């Protein structure tokens, strides 16, 4: 059941985002657009509630319950940036807004960008791990919560690899501008 809720929440995230931006820029209904965009984070609350209800109802802690915690962590950490990214492109395409700023490709700006993104990833990791640790305490059965412990290990490994190859890698070996032909 929880996997279906995660999929429904992901679809809802993009539907509310698209409907909010379409209302704001295509239909010129700014209040409706704002209301729909406010619904985007409410999707996370629905997923959190569904996960708690499922675990309280006696469901065995599973990979999908861990995935729900990870989804929530990444949605909280990266969701606002995704909305801002989509809003800038929608405004440019449909409302004559300025072109969106491209991601920096080299120099100090690139390094700063990579560290900011890693910072968001660290926040996502912290939120996800806190939710997983809370679920371990909530379930209170080490045999049933192996999936949660496993998720914490996977997330930590991914964050470590990210750190070594992106922000640290770009800091130690900054990309150089390409020479003009």
Protein backbone atom coordinates (compact mmCIF):
# COMPACT_ATOMS: atom_id res chain seq x y z
CA UNK A 1 0.00 0.00 0.00
CA UNK A 2 2.69 2.50 0.97
CA UNK A 3 4.47 2.18 -2.38
CA UNK A 4 1.22 3.17 -4.14
CA UNK A 5 0.92 6.19 -1.82
CA UNK A 6 4.51 7.24 -2.65
CA UNK A 7 3.75 7.03 -6.39
CA UNK A 8 0.49 8.94 -5.91
CA UNK A 9 2.32 11.62 -3.92
CA UNK A 10 5.00 12.01 -6.59
CA UNK A 11 2.34 12.35 -9.29
CA UNK A 12 0.41 14.80 -7.08
CA UNK A 13 3.55 16.88 -6.54
CA UNK A 14 3.94 17.44 -10.29
CA UNK A 15 0.20 17.87 -10.90
CA UNK A 16 -0.15 20.55 -8.21
CA UNK A 17 3.02 22.25 -9.43
CA UNK A 18 1.88 22.24 -13.07
CA UNK A 19 -1.67 23.31 -12.21
CA UNK A 20 -0.39 26.08 -9.94
CA UNK A 21 1.95 27.46 -12.58
CA UNK A 22 -0.65 27.13 -15.35
CA UNK A 23 -3.20 28.95 -13.20
CA UNK A 24 -0.72 31.68 -12.38
CA UNK A 25 0.72 32.30 -15.85
CA UNK A 26 -1.71 30.93 -18.44
CA UNK A 27 -5.06 31.68 -16.82
CA UNK A 28 -3.87 34.74 -14.87
CA UNK A 29 -5.54 33.37 -11.72
CA UNK A 30 -2.81 34.26 -9.26
CA UNK A 31 -4.80 33.39 -6.11
CA UNK A 32 -5.74 29.96 -7.43
CA UNK A 33 -2.16 29.43 -8.58
CA UNK A 34 -0.86 30.29 -5.10
CA UNK A 35 -3.41 27.96 -3.48
CA UNK A 36 -2.38 25.09 -5.76
CA UNK A 37 1.31 25.71 -5.11
CA UNK A 38 0.63 25.65 -1.36
CA UNK A 39 -0.80 22.16 -1.85
CA UNK A 40 2.58 20.89 -3.06
CA UNK A 41 4.08 20.53 0.46
CA UNK A 42 0.77 19.18 1.78
CA UNK A 43 1.45 16.10 -0.33
CA UNK A 44 4.39 15.38 2.00
CA UNK A 45 2.12 15.55 5.03
CA UNK A 46 -0.23 13.05 3.41
CA UNK A 47 2.65 10.64 2.81
CA UNK A 48 3.88 11.05 6.39
CA UNK A 49 0.39 10.40 7.76
CA UNK A 50 -0.11 7.35 5.51
CA UNK A 51 3.23 5.88 6.61
CA UNK A 52 2.44 6.38 10.30
CA UNK A 53 -1.06 4.91 9.88
CA UNK A 54 0.35 1.91 8.01
CA UNK A 55 3.01 1.21 10.66
CA UNK A 56 0.53 1.75 13.51
CA UNK A 57 -1.85 -0.62 11.79
CA UNK A 58 0.68 -3.41 12.23
CA UNK A 59 2.41 -3.38 8.84
CA UNK A 60 5.93 -4.75 8.95
CA UNK A 61 8.55 -2.10 8.35
CA UNK A 62 9.64 -2.52 4.75
CA UNK A 63 11.81 -1.07 2.01
CA UNK A 64 8.80 1.03 0.92
CA UNK A 65 8.39 2.58 4.38
CA UNK A 66 12.08 3.53 4.27
CA UNK A 67 11.60 4.91 0.78
CA UNK A 68 8.78 7.09 2.13
CA UNK A 69 11.18 8.61 4.68
CA UNK A 70 13.78 9.21 1.97
CA UNK A 71 11.16 10.76 -0.33
CA UNK A 72 10.06 13.10 2.46
CA UNK A 73 13.64 14.15 3.24
CA UNK A 74 14.47 14.90 -0.37
CA UNK A 75 11.14 16.60 -0.99
CA UNK A 76 11.63 18.95 1.95
CA UNK A 77 15.27 19.72 1.06
CA UNK A 78 14.91 20.04 -2.72
CA UNK A 79 11.19 20.80 -3.21
CA UNK A 80 11.40 24.57 -2.85
CA UNK A 81 14.28 24.73 -5.33
CA UNK A 82 12.37 22.58 -7.83
CA UNK A 83 9.36 24.87 -7.54
CA UNK A 84 11.56 27.96 -8.01
CA UNK A 85 13.28 26.31 -10.99
CA UNK A 86 9.96 25.44 -12.65
CA UNK A 87 8.46 28.87 -11.86
CA UNK A 88 11.37 30.72 -13.52
CA UNK A 89 11.07 28.62 -16.68
CA UNK A 90 7.28 28.85 -16.81
CA UNK A 91 7.40 32.63 -16.29
CA UNK A 92 9.97 32.99 -19.07
CA UNK A 93 8.13 30.73 -21.50
CA UNK A 94 4.55 31.88 -20.92
CA UNK A 95 4.66 35.29 -19.23
CA UNK A 96 7.56 37.13 -20.81
CA UNK A 97 9.74 36.79 -17.73
CA UNK A 98 13.50 37.04 -17.88
CA UNK A 99 15.43 34.00 -19.03
CA UNK A 100 16.40 31.73 -16.14
CA UNK A 101 19.95 31.92 -14.86
CA UNK A 102 21.99 29.01 -16.22
CA UNK A 103 23.94 26.83 -13.81
CA UNK A 104 27.53 27.99 -13.53
CA UNK A 105 29.94 25.85 -15.51
CA UNK A 106 33.29 26.85 -14.02
CA UNK A 107 35.10 29.03 -11.54
CA UNK A 108 34.15 29.98 -8.01
CA UNK A 109 30.49 30.15 -9.00
CA UNK A 110 30.53 26.46 -10.00
CA UNK A 111 32.24 25.45 -6.76
CA UNK A 112 29.77 27.49 -4.68
CA UNK A 113 26.85 25.95 -6.61
CA UNK A 114 28.11 22.41 -5.93
CA UNK A 115 28.56 23.14 -2.22
CA UNK A 116 25.00 24.58 -2.02
CA UNK A 117 23.57 21.49 -3.70
CA UNK A 118 25.57 19.25 -1.39
CA UNK A 119 24.22 21.28 1.53
CA UNK A 120 20.68 20.51 0.36
CA UNK A 121 21.64 16.86 0.03
CA UNK A 122 22.96 16.93 3.59
CA UNK A 123 19.67 18.40 4.81
CA UNK A 124 17.79 15.68 2.90
CA UNK A 125 20.06 13.05 4.47
CA UNK A 126 19.52 14.48 7.97
CA UNK A 127 15.73 14.64 7.61
CA UNK A 128 15.54 11.16 6.08
CA UNK A 129 17.78 9.64 8.74
CA UNK A 130 15.86 11.40 11.53
CA UNK A 131 12.59 10.01 10.16
CA UNK A 132 14.12 6.54 9.82
CA UNK A 133 15.55 6.69 13.36
CA UNK A 134 12.17 7.88 14.64
CA UNK A 135 10.51 4.95 12.87
CA UNK A 136 13.02 2.54 14.44
CA UNK A 137 12.11 3.87 17.88
CA UNK A 138 8.39 3.90 17.01
CA UNK A 139 8.33 0.29 15.77
CA UNK A 140 10.63 -0.80 18.63
CA UNK A 141 11.50 -4.19 17.14
CA UNK A 142 15.07 -4.57 15.84
CA UNK A 143 14.16 -7.56 13.71
CA UNK A 144 11.40 -5.58 11.97
CA UNK A 145 13.39 -2.43 11.35
CA UNK A 146 16.37 -3.84 9.45
CA UNK A 147 15.09 -2.11 6.30
CA UNK A 148 15.32 1.27 8.05
CA UNK A 149 18.87 0.65 9.28
CA UNK A 150 19.76 -0.44 5.76
CA UNK A 151 18.34 2.80 4.33
CA UNK A 152 20.46 4.87 6.72
CA UNK A 153 23.57 3.04 5.50
CA UNK A 154 22.66 3.52 1.83
CA UNK A 155 21.95 7.22 2.29
CA UNK A 156 25.21 7.75 4.15
CA UNK A 157 27.15 5.98 1.40
CA UNK A 158 25.48 8.06 -1.32
CA UNK A 159 26.14 11.30 0.57
CA UNK A 160 29.79 10.31 1.04
CA UNK A 161 30.25 9.53 -2.66
CA UNK A 162 28.50 12.78 -3.57
CA UNK A 163 30.83 14.72 -1.26
CA UNK A 164 34.01 13.19 -2.69
CA UNK A 165 33.15 13.49 -6.37
CA UNK A 166 31.25 16.78 -6.57
CA UNK A 167 31.84 19.58 -4.05
CA UNK A 168 35.21 18.29 -2.90
CA UNK A 169 36.19 17.21 -6.40
CA UNK A 170 35.29 20.61 -7.89
CA UNK A 171 37.08 22.40 -5.04
CA UNK A 172 40.30 20.41 -5.50
CA UNK A 173 40.06 20.18 -9.32
CA UNK A 174 37.99 23.18 -10.46
CA UNK A 175 36.68 22.98 -14.02
CA UNK A 176 38.39 25.38 -16.39
CA UNK A 177 36.54 27.37 -19.03
CA UNK A 178 36.69 25.75 -22.46
CA UNK A 179 39.01 27.50 -24.89
CA UNK A 180 37.34 29.29 -27.74
CA UNK A 181 37.88 27.56 -31.10
